[in-house]
C-alpha cells in the first residue's frame, strides 16, 4: 500500500499568503510563515509554496519565506513560480526547498525539465500543470498562474514531461480552484492513468471527505489543500481522519 500524502498549499504574492477562485481574484489570507507553521503542527506531510506572480515579473521572490520555513518546519517543501533555469532551481534548493515545481518555463522550454532532473535528481523536478477543460475528456495546459493558454493537451504534456525527467506531477484544476466543489476526478484519472510518477491533486477540495474520490477513483498519490485549511473549514487532522475512514493509507500522526 502506498502512503497517501496530505499537503498544505500556500500561494504567495509578495509577503502575503493569498487565495483566489480559478486562480483569479486573489484575497489576502495572512502570513505564509504562520500558516505553514500551523499546517506543520496539524500534521501535514509536505508543503507547497507557489509564487503566484513570479512568471509575470520574471522572478521568484520566495527565497526569504523558504529560508524561514526551512528553519521552522521539518517536512519536505516544494517551491514553484518563476523558475526559468537550473540555476534558479539551485538557489531555491539552497534556501531549503526539497523540490522545485516548474510550469511556465517548462512549457516554453521542455529541455529545462531534463536539465533540472539531471542536475538535482528526478525527485526534485515537479512538473506543475494548470489544467482547464476545453471539451469532454480534454484539458488544455495553462501557464502564468492560469492566465495564458498554451494550446497543449494536458495528457500529452504530462506524458512528455515524465519522459523528459519529471519525477512528480502537481495537477491543478483551474476550473475547480477555490470553488469548494470537490476535485476534478476525471482529470486526475486521465493523468494518473498515463504516468508512472506520483500525481498531486490540487484545486476544489470542499470537505475532508472529498479525498476519497481523488484517491480511490482518480488514482492520485497526494492531495494539495489550500482554501479548506486557510479558512479553517477543516484541519489536516480532519482530512487524515476522513482518509482513514475511507480506507486510505496515510501517515500516522500523533498530535501530542
C-alpha atoms as a PDB file:
ATOM      1  CA  UNK A   1       0.000   0.000   0.000  1.00  0.00           C
ATOM      2  CA  UNK A   2       1.271   3.468  -0.835  1.00  0.00           C
ATOM      3  CA  UNK A   3       1.103   6.162   1.808  1.00  0.00           C
ATOM      4  CA  UNK A   4      -1.095   8.994   0.561  1.00  0.00           C
ATOM      5  CA  UNK A   5       0.365  12.418   1.348  1.00  0.00           C
ATOM      6  CA  UNK A   6      -1.628  15.328   2.765  1.00  0.00           C
ATOM      7  CA  UNK A   7      -0.049  18.547   1.530  1.00  0.00           C
ATOM      8  CA  UNK A   8      -0.721  22.149   2.519  1.00  0.00           C
ATOM      9  CA  UNK A   9      -0.571  24.518  -0.438  1.00  0.00           C
ATOM     10  CA  UNK A  10       0.439  28.146   0.098  1.00  0.00           C
ATOM     11  CA  UNK A  11       0.010  30.553  -2.803  1.00  0.00           C
ATOM     12  CA  UNK A  12       2.102  33.642  -2.143  1.00  0.00           C
ATOM     13  CA  UNK A  13       2.131  37.149  -3.597  1.00  0.00           C
ATOM     14  CA  UNK A  14       4.866  39.362  -2.178  1.00  0.00           C
ATOM     15  CA  UNK A  15       4.872  38.878   1.613  1.00  0.00           C
ATOM     16  CA  UNK A  16       1.271  37.620   1.743  1.00  0.00           C
ATOM     17  CA  UNK A  17      -0.480  34.282   1.629  1.00  0.00           C
ATOM     18  CA  UNK A  18      -3.334  34.684  -0.857  1.00  0.00           C
ATOM     19  CA  UNK A  19      -6.186  32.606  -2.256  1.00  0.00           C
ATOM     20  CA  UNK A  20      -8.252  33.035  -5.377  1.00  0.00           C
ATOM     21  CA  UNK A  21     -11.005  31.317  -7.319  1.00  0.00           C
ATOM     22  CA  UNK A  22      -9.983  29.825 -10.690  1.00  0.00           C
ATOM     23  CA  UNK A  23      -6.518  31.251  -9.797  1.00  0.00           C
ATOM     24  CA  UNK A  24      -8.024  34.788 -10.053  1.00  0.00           C
ATOM     25  CA  UNK A  25      -9.471  37.451  -7.730  1.00  0.00           C
ATOM     26  CA  UNK A  26      -6.762  36.918  -5.146  1.00  0.00           C
ATOM     27  CA  UNK A  27      -7.616  37.660  -1.499  1.00  0.00           C
ATOM     28  CA  UNK A  28      -5.009  38.214   1.182  1.00  0.00           C
ATOM     29  CA  UNK A  29      -5.242  35.495   3.867  1.00  0.00           C
ATOM     30  CA  UNK A  30      -2.314  36.421   6.119  1.00  0.00           C
ATOM     31  CA  UNK A  31       1.264  35.415   6.810  1.00  0.00           C
ATOM     32  CA  UNK A  32       2.568  32.393   4.871  1.00  0.00           C
ATOM     33  CA  UNK A  33       5.000  31.644   7.708  1.00  0.00           C
ATOM     34  CA  UNK A  34       2.284  31.454  10.370  1.00  0.00           C
ATOM     35  CA  UNK A  35       0.043  29.270   8.214  1.00  0.00           C
ATOM     36  CA  UNK A  36       2.926  26.955   7.309  1.00  0.00           C
ATOM     37  CA  UNK A  37       3.691  26.534  10.996  1.00  0.00           C
ATOM     38  CA  UNK A  38       0.059  25.739  11.741  1.00  0.00           C
ATOM     39  CA  UNK A  39      -0.255  23.119   8.989  1.00  0.00           C
ATOM     40  CA  UNK A  40       3.030  21.539  10.077  1.00  0.00           C
ATOM     41  CA  UNK A  41       1.755  21.304  13.656  1.00  0.00           C
ATOM     42  CA  UNK A  42      -1.507  19.799  12.394  1.00  0.00           C
ATOM     43  CA  UNK A  43       0.468  17.005  10.724  1.00  0.00           C
ATOM     44  CA  UNK A  44       0.815  17.999   7.058  1.00  0.00           C
ATOM     45  CA  UNK A  45       3.179  15.618   5.261  1.00  0.00           C
ATOM     46  CA  UNK A  46       4.564  18.309   2.956  1.00  0.00           C
ATOM     47  CA  UNK A  47       4.066  21.956   1.998  1.00  0.00           C
ATOM     48  CA  UNK A  48       3.907  23.550  -1.444  1.00  0.00           C
ATOM     49  CA  UNK A  49       4.770  27.223  -1.904  1.00  0.00           C
ATOM     50  CA  UNK A  50       3.750  28.847  -5.180  1.00  0.00           C
ATOM     51  CA  UNK A  51       4.764  32.394  -6.090  1.00  0.00           C
ATOM     52  CA  UNK A  52       1.625  33.472  -7.998  1.00  0.00           C
ATOM     53  CA  UNK A  53       3.042  36.461  -9.812  1.00  0.00           C
ATOM     54  CA  UNK A  54       6.590  35.239 -10.399  1.00  0.00           C
ATOM     55  CA  UNK A  55       6.097  34.345 -14.070  1.00  0.00           C
ATOM     56  CA  UNK A  56       4.555  37.751 -14.672  1.00  0.00           C
ATOM     57  CA  UNK A  57       7.578  39.563 -13.233  1.00  0.00           C
ATOM     58  CA  UNK A  58      10.182  37.010 -14.322  1.00  0.00           C
ATOM     59  CA  UNK A  59      11.463  36.273 -10.854  1.00  0.00           C
ATOM     60  CA  UNK A  60      10.744  34.175  -7.783  1.00  0.00           C
ATOM     61  CA  UNK A  61      10.638  36.161  -4.545  1.00  0.00           C
ATOM     62  CA  UNK A  62      10.134  33.274  -2.140  1.00  0.00           C
ATOM     63  CA  UNK A  63      13.741  32.857  -1.013  1.00  0.00           C
ATOM     64  CA  UNK A  64      13.271  34.575   2.366  1.00  0.00           C
ATOM     65  CA  UNK A  65       9.968  32.800   3.046  1.00  0.00           C
ATOM     66  CA  UNK A  66      11.506  29.421   2.148  1.00  0.00           C
ATOM     67  CA  UNK A  67      14.554  30.044   4.347  1.00  0.00           C
ATOM     68  CA  UNK A  68      12.250  30.886   7.246  1.00  0.00           C
ATOM     69  CA  UNK A  69      10.090  27.796   6.634  1.00  0.00           C
ATOM     70  CA  UNK A  70      13.117  25.510   6.432  1.00  0.00           C
ATOM     71  CA  UNK A  71      14.157  26.698   9.903  1.00  0.00           C
ATOM     72  CA  UNK A  72      10.726  26.092  11.462  1.00  0.00           C
ATOM     73  CA  UNK A  73       9.147  23.258   9.513  1.00  0.00           C
ATOM     74  CA  UNK A  74      10.685  19.804   9.206  1.00  0.00           C
ATOM     75  CA  UNK A  75       8.762  18.272   6.318  1.00  0.00           C
ATOM     76  CA  UNK A  76       9.527  18.417   2.575  1.00  0.00           C
ATOM     77  CA  UNK A  77       8.972  21.787   0.880  1.00  0.00           C
ATOM     78  CA  UNK A  78       8.144  22.156  -2.815  1.00  0.00           C
ATOM     79  CA  UNK A  79       8.587  25.647  -4.256  1.00  0.00           C
ATOM     80  CA  UNK A  80       7.346  26.948  -7.599  1.00  0.00           C
ATOM     81  CA  UNK A  81       6.833  30.130  -9.569  1.00  0.00           C
ATOM     82  CA  UNK A  82       9.258  31.953 -11.842  1.00  0.00           C
ATOM     83  CA  UNK A  83      11.840  29.156 -12.075  1.00  0.00           C
ATOM     84  CA  UNK A  84      13.396  29.673 -15.506  1.00  0.00           C
ATOM     85  CA  UNK A  85      16.706  27.823 -15.252  1.00  0.00           C
ATOM     86  CA  UNK A  86      18.559  25.120 -13.356  1.00  0.00           C
ATOM     87  CA  UNK A  87      20.389  27.942 -11.545  1.00  0.00           C
ATOM     88  CA  UNK A  88      17.054  29.369 -10.337  1.00  0.00           C
ATOM     89  CA  UNK A  89      16.188  25.897  -9.049  1.00  0.00           C
ATOM     90  CA  UNK A  90      19.574  25.637  -7.355  1.00  0.00           C
ATOM     91  CA  UNK A  91      19.043  28.913  -5.483  1.00  0.00           C
ATOM     92  CA  UNK A  92      15.709  27.735  -4.063  1.00  0.00           C
ATOM     93  CA  UNK A  93      17.107  24.312  -3.139  1.00  0.00           C
ATOM     94  CA  UNK A  94      19.964  26.039  -1.318  1.00  0.00           C
ATOM     95  CA  UNK A  95      17.424  28.143   0.603  1.00  0.00           C
ATOM     96  CA  UNK A  96      15.867  24.946   1.932  1.00  0.00           C
ATOM     97  CA  UNK A  97      13.415  23.727  -0.727  1.00  0.00           C
ATOM     98  CA  UNK A  98      13.414  19.969  -1.291  1.00  0.00           C
ATOM     99  CA  UNK A  99      11.746  20.108  -4.704  1.00  0.00           C
ATOM    100  CA  UNK A 100      11.002  22.720  -7.339  1.00  0.00           C
ATOM    101  CA  UNK A 101       7.772  22.965  -9.338  1.00  0.00           C
ATOM    102  CA  UNK A 102       8.050  24.328 -12.871  1.00  0.00           C
ATOM    103  CA  UNK A 103       5.211  25.200 -15.237  1.00  0.00           C
ATOM    104  CA  UNK A 104       5.538  28.259 -17.496  1.00  0.00           C
ATOM    105  CA  UNK A 105       9.252  27.895 -18.276  1.00  0.00           C
ATOM    106  CA  UNK A 106       8.884  24.144 -18.904  1.00  0.00           C
ATOM    107  CA  UNK A 107       6.134  24.776 -21.460  1.00  0.00           C
ATOM    108  CA  UNK A 108       8.365  27.356 -23.179  1.00  0.00           C
ATOM    109  CA  UNK A 109      11.457  25.126 -22.980  1.00  0.00           C
ATOM    110  CA  UNK A 110      10.746  21.448 -22.215  1.00  0.00           C
ATOM    111  CA  UNK A 111      14.508  20.730 -22.070  1.00  0.00           C
ATOM    112  CA  UNK A 112      14.540  22.587 -18.738  1.00  0.00           C
ATOM    113  CA  UNK A 113      12.786  19.559 -17.178  1.00  0.00           C
ATOM    114  CA  UNK A 114      15.707  17.352 -18.201  1.00  0.00           C
ATOM    115  CA  UNK A 115      18.314  19.895 -17.074  1.00  0.00           C
ATOM    116  CA  UNK A 116      16.843  20.147 -13.575  1.00  0.00           C
ATOM    117  CA  UNK A 117      16.271  16.382 -13.286  1.00  0.00           C
ATOM    118  CA  UNK A 118      19.847  15.586 -14.370  1.00  0.00           C
ATOM    119  CA  UNK A 119      21.408  18.137 -12.061  1.00  0.00           C
ATOM    120  CA  UNK A 120      19.377  17.517  -8.905  1.00  0.00           C
ATOM    121  CA  UNK A 121      17.560  14.210  -9.497  1.00  0.00           C
ATOM    122  CA  UNK A 122      14.082  13.487 -10.867  1.00  0.00           C
ATOM    123  CA  UNK A 123      12.639  13.514  -7.350  1.00  0.00           C
ATOM    124  CA  UNK A 124      13.418  17.278  -7.222  1.00  0.00           C
ATOM    125  CA  UNK A 125      11.719  18.117 -10.518  1.00  0.00           C
ATOM    126  CA  UNK A 126       7.967  18.571 -10.121  1.00  0.00           C
ATOM    127  CA  UNK A 127       6.032  19.400 -13.282  1.00  0.00           C
ATOM    128  CA  UNK A 128       3.290  21.842 -12.316  1.00  0.00           C
ATOM    129  CA  UNK A 129       0.294  21.630 -14.656  1.00  0.00           C
ATOM    130  CA  UNK A 130      -2.599  24.098 -14.626  1.00  0.00           C
ATOM    131  CA  UNK A 131      -5.428  22.359 -16.473  1.00  0.00           C
ATOM    132  CA  UNK A 132      -8.598  23.888 -17.909  1.00  0.00           C
ATOM    133  CA  UNK A 133     -11.281  21.737 -19.501  1.00  0.00           C
ATOM    134  CA  UNK A 134     -11.859  22.545 -23.187  1.00  0.00           C
ATOM    135  CA  UNK A 135     -14.194  19.669 -24.057  1.00  0.00           C
ATOM    136  CA  UNK A 136     -15.367  16.272 -22.802  1.00  0.00           C
ATOM    137  CA  UNK A 137     -12.279  14.387 -21.586  1.00  0.00           C
ATOM    138  CA  UNK A 138      -9.928  17.120 -22.860  1.00  0.00           C
ATOM    139  CA  UNK A 139      -7.937  19.687 -20.903  1.00  0.00           C
ATOM    140  CA  UNK A 140      -5.524  22.388 -22.031  1.00  0.00           C
ATOM    141  CA  UNK A 141      -2.385  23.301 -20.087  1.00  0.00           C
ATOM    142  CA  UNK A 142      -2.296  26.936 -18.991  1.00  0.00           C
ATOM    143  CA  UNK A 143       0.711  28.999 -17.900  1.00  0.00           C
ATOM    144  CA  UNK A 144       1.337  32.194 -15.915  1.00  0.00           C
ATOM    145  CA  UNK A 145      -0.867  31.149 -12.992  1.00  0.00           C
ATOM    146  CA  UNK A 146      -3.790  30.125 -15.190  1.00  0.00           C
ATOM    147  CA  UNK A 147      -3.725  33.289 -17.320  1.00  0.00           C
ATOM    148  CA  UNK A 148      -2.264  32.119 -20.633  1.00  0.00           C
ATOM    149  CA  UNK A 149      -3.328  29.335 -22.991  1.00  0.00           C
ATOM    150  CA  UNK A 150      -0.589  27.042 -24.271  1.00  0.00           C
ATOM    151  CA  UNK A 151      -2.554  25.084 -26.879  1.00  0.00           C
ATOM    152  CA  UNK A 152      -1.051  21.913 -25.343  1.00  0.00           C
ATOM    153  CA  UNK A 153      -3.146  18.898 -24.360  1.00  0.00           C
ATOM    154  CA  UNK A 154      -2.655  18.103 -20.665  1.00  0.00           C
ATOM    155  CA  UNK A 155      -2.500  14.316 -21.037  1.00  0.00           C
ATOM    156  CA  UNK A 156       0.080  14.505 -23.834  1.00  0.00           C
ATOM    157  CA  UNK A 157       2.070  17.112 -21.888  1.00  0.00           C
ATOM    158  CA  UNK A 158       2.349  15.055 -18.690  1.00  0.00           C
ATOM    159  CA  UNK A 159       3.499  12.033 -20.688  1.00  0.00           C
ATOM    160  CA  UNK A 160       6.168  14.165 -22.358  1.00  0.00           C
ATOM    161  CA  UNK A 161       7.155  15.787 -19.062  1.00  0.00           C
ATOM    162  CA  UNK A 162       7.707  12.432 -17.350  1.00  0.00           C
ATOM    163  CA  UNK A 163       9.672  11.140 -20.357  1.00  0.00           C
ATOM    164  CA  UNK A 164      11.900  14.224 -20.034  1.00  0.00           C
ATOM    165  CA  UNK A 165      12.578  13.541 -16.349  1.00  0.00           C
ATOM    166  CA  UNK A 166       9.799  14.973 -14.176  1.00  0.00           C
ATOM    167  CA  UNK A 167       9.536  12.899 -11.004  1.00  0.00           C
ATOM    168  CA  UNK A 168       6.144  14.158  -9.867  1.00  0.00           C
ATOM    169  CA  UNK A 169       3.104  15.988 -11.275  1.00  0.00           C
ATOM    170  CA  UNK A 170       1.354  18.805  -9.409  1.00  0.00           C
ATOM    171  CA  UNK A 171      -2.017  18.816 -11.173  1.00  0.00           C
ATOM    172  CA  UNK A 172      -4.162  21.897 -10.549  1.00  0.00           C
ATOM    173  CA  UNK A 173      -7.688  22.124 -11.921  1.00  0.00           C
ATOM    174  CA  UNK A 174      -8.185  25.797 -12.796  1.00  0.00           C
ATOM    175  CA  UNK A 175     -11.919  25.132 -13.170  1.00  0.00           C
ATOM    176  CA  UNK A 176     -12.210  23.792  -9.626  1.00  0.00           C
ATOM    177  CA  UNK A 177      -9.653  26.011  -7.862  1.00  0.00           C
ATOM    178  CA  UNK A 178     -11.265  27.800  -4.895  1.00  0.00           C
ATOM    179  CA  UNK A 179     -14.783  26.591  -5.788  1.00  0.00           C
ATOM    180  CA  UNK A 180     -15.107  24.022  -2.938  1.00  0.00           C
ATOM    181  CA  UNK A 181     -16.915  21.738  -5.428  1.00  0.00           C
ATOM    182  CA  UNK A 182     -14.523  18.822  -4.998  1.00  0.00           C
ATOM    183  CA  UNK A 183     -11.617  17.662  -7.144  1.00  0.00           C
ATOM    184  CA  UNK A 184     -11.912  17.139 -10.910  1.00  0.00           C
ATOM    185  CA  UNK A 185     -11.831  13.362 -10.660  1.00  0.00           C
ATOM    186  CA  UNK A 186     -11.964  12.785 -14.415  1.00  0.00           C
ATOM    187  CA  UNK A 187      -8.882  14.989 -14.896  1.00  0.00           C
ATOM    188  CA  UNK A 188      -6.947  13.246 -12.113  1.00  0.00           C
ATOM    189  CA  UNK A 189      -7.797   9.832 -13.535  1.00  0.00           C
ATOM    190  CA  UNK A 190      -6.838  10.897 -17.077  1.00  0.00           C
ATOM    191  CA  UNK A 191      -3.390  11.981 -15.872  1.00  0.00           C
ATOM    192  CA  UNK A 192      -2.651   9.316 -13.253  1.00  0.00           C
ATOM    193  CA  UNK A 193      -3.537   6.538 -15.716  1.00  0.00           C
ATOM    194  CA  UNK A 194      -0.817   7.582 -18.202  1.00  0.00           C
ATOM    195  CA  UNK A 195       2.147   8.376 -15.908  1.00  0.00           C
ATOM    196  CA  UNK A 196       4.157   6.205 -13.548  1.00  0.00           C
ATOM    197  CA  UNK A 197       5.182   9.049 -11.211  1.00  0.00           C
ATOM    198  CA  UNK A 198       3.180  10.394  -8.247  1.00  0.00           C
ATOM    199  CA  UNK A 199       0.319  12.793  -9.026  1.00  0.00           C
ATOM    200  CA  UNK A 200      -0.678  15.512  -6.534  1.00  0.00           C
ATOM    201  CA  UNK A 201      -4.313  16.564  -6.986  1.00  0.00           C
ATOM    202  CA  UNK A 202      -4.936  20.262  -6.374  1.00  0.00           C
ATOM    203  CA  UNK A 203      -7.967  22.503  -6.747  1.00  0.00           C
ATOM    204  CA  UNK A 204     -11.501  22.255  -5.433  1.00  0.00           C
ATOM    205  CA  UNK A 205     -11.381  20.450  -2.094  1.00  0.00           C
ATOM    206  CA  UNK A 206     -14.588  21.408  -0.306  1.00  0.00           C
ATOM    207  CA  UNK A 207     -14.743  18.971   2.592  1.00  0.00           C
ATOM    208  CA  UNK A 208     -12.446  16.340   4.123  1.00  0.00           C
ATOM    209  CA  UNK A 209     -14.439  13.500   2.530  1.00  0.00           C
ATOM    210  CA  UNK A 210     -13.503  14.764  -0.960  1.00  0.00           C
ATOM    211  CA  UNK A 211     -10.187  12.953  -0.551  1.00  0.00           C
ATOM    212  CA  UNK A 212     -11.844   9.552  -1.094  1.00  0.00           C
ATOM    213  CA  UNK A 213     -12.776  10.031  -4.757  1.00  0.00           C
ATOM    214  CA  UNK A 214      -9.447  11.721  -5.590  1.00  0.00           C
ATOM    215  CA  UNK A 215      -7.551   8.684  -4.342  1.00  0.00           C
ATOM    216  CA  UNK A 216      -9.873   5.720  -4.950  1.00  0.00           C
ATOM    217  CA  UNK A 217     -11.317   6.811  -8.321  1.00  0.00           C
ATOM    218  CA  UNK A 218      -8.809   9.385  -9.544  1.00  0.00           C
ATOM    219  CA  UNK A 219      -5.709   7.456  -8.520  1.00  0.00           C
ATOM    220  CA  UNK A 220      -3.912  10.470  -7.004  1.00  0.00           C
ATOM    221  CA  UNK A 221      -0.927   9.835  -4.728  1.00  0.00           C
ATOM    222  CA  UNK A 222      -1.346  13.053  -2.741  1.00  0.00           C
ATOM    223  CA  UNK A 223      -3.765  15.934  -2.321  1.00  0.00           C
ATOM    224  CA  UNK A 224      -2.900  19.618  -2.013  1.00  0.00           C
ATOM    225  CA  UNK A 225      -5.192  21.667   0.215  1.00  0.00           C
ATOM    226  CA  UNK A 226      -5.476  25.449   0.394  1.00  0.00           C
ATOM    227  CA  UNK A 227      -8.923  27.059   0.794  1.00  0.00           C
ATOM    228  CA  UNK A 228     -10.215  24.328   3.147  1.00  0.00           C
ATOM    229  CA  UNK A 229      -7.276  24.922   5.526  1.00  0.00           C
ATOM    230  CA  UNK A 230      -6.850  28.685   5.120  1.00  0.00           C
ATOM    231  CA  UNK A 231     -10.472  29.404   6.014  1.00  0.00           C
ATOM    232  CA  UNK A 232     -10.327  26.866   8.868  1.00  0.00           C
ATOM    233  CA  UNK A 233     -13.165  24.809   7.436  1.00  0.00           C
ATOM    234  CA  UNK A 234     -11.106  21.746   8.356  1.00  0.00           C
ATOM    235  CA  UNK A 235      -7.701  20.873   9.778  1.00  0.00           C
ATOM    236  CA  UNK A 236      -5.145  18.489   8.332  1.00  0.00           C
ATOM    237  CA  UNK A 237      -6.192  16.161  11.155  1.00  0.00           C
ATOM    238  CA  UNK A 238      -9.821  16.217   9.962  1.00  0.00           C
ATOM    239  CA  UNK A 239      -8.705  15.231   6.478  1.00  0.00           C
ATOM    240  CA  UNK A 240      -6.480  12.475   7.911  1.00  0.00           C
ATOM    241  CA  UNK A 241      -9.484  11.056   9.804  1.00  0.00           C
ATOM    242  CA  UNK A 242     -11.660  11.192   6.682  1.00  0.00           C
ATOM    243  CA  UNK A 243      -8.918   9.403   4.730  1.00  0.00           C
ATOM    244  CA  UNK A 244      -8.646   6.666   7.350  1.00  0.00           C
ATOM    245  CA  UNK A 245     -12.451   6.282   7.411  1.00  0.00           C
ATOM    246  CA  UNK A 246     -12.332   5.782   3.618  1.00  0.00           C
ATOM    247  CA  UNK A 247      -9.667   3.075   3.950  1.00  0.00           C
ATOM    248  CA  UNK A 248      -6.873   5.295   2.610  1.00  0.00           C
ATOM    249  CA  UNK A 249      -3.387   4.626   3.900  1.00  0.00           C
ATOM    250  CA  UNK A 250      -1.984   7.839   5.431  1.00  0.00           C
ATOM    251  CA  UNK A 251       0.932   8.512   7.760  1.00  0.00           C
ATOM    252  CA  UNK A 252       0.130   8.089  11.446  1.00  0.00           C
ATOM    253  CA  UNK A 253       0.396  11.417  13.227  1.00  0.00           C
ATOM    254  CA  UNK A 254       0.462  11.819  16.978  1.00  0.00           C
ATOM    255  CA  UNK A 255      -0.991  15.190  17.964  1.00  0.00           C
ATOM    256  CA  UNK A 256       0.837  15.010  21.269  1.00  0.00           C
END
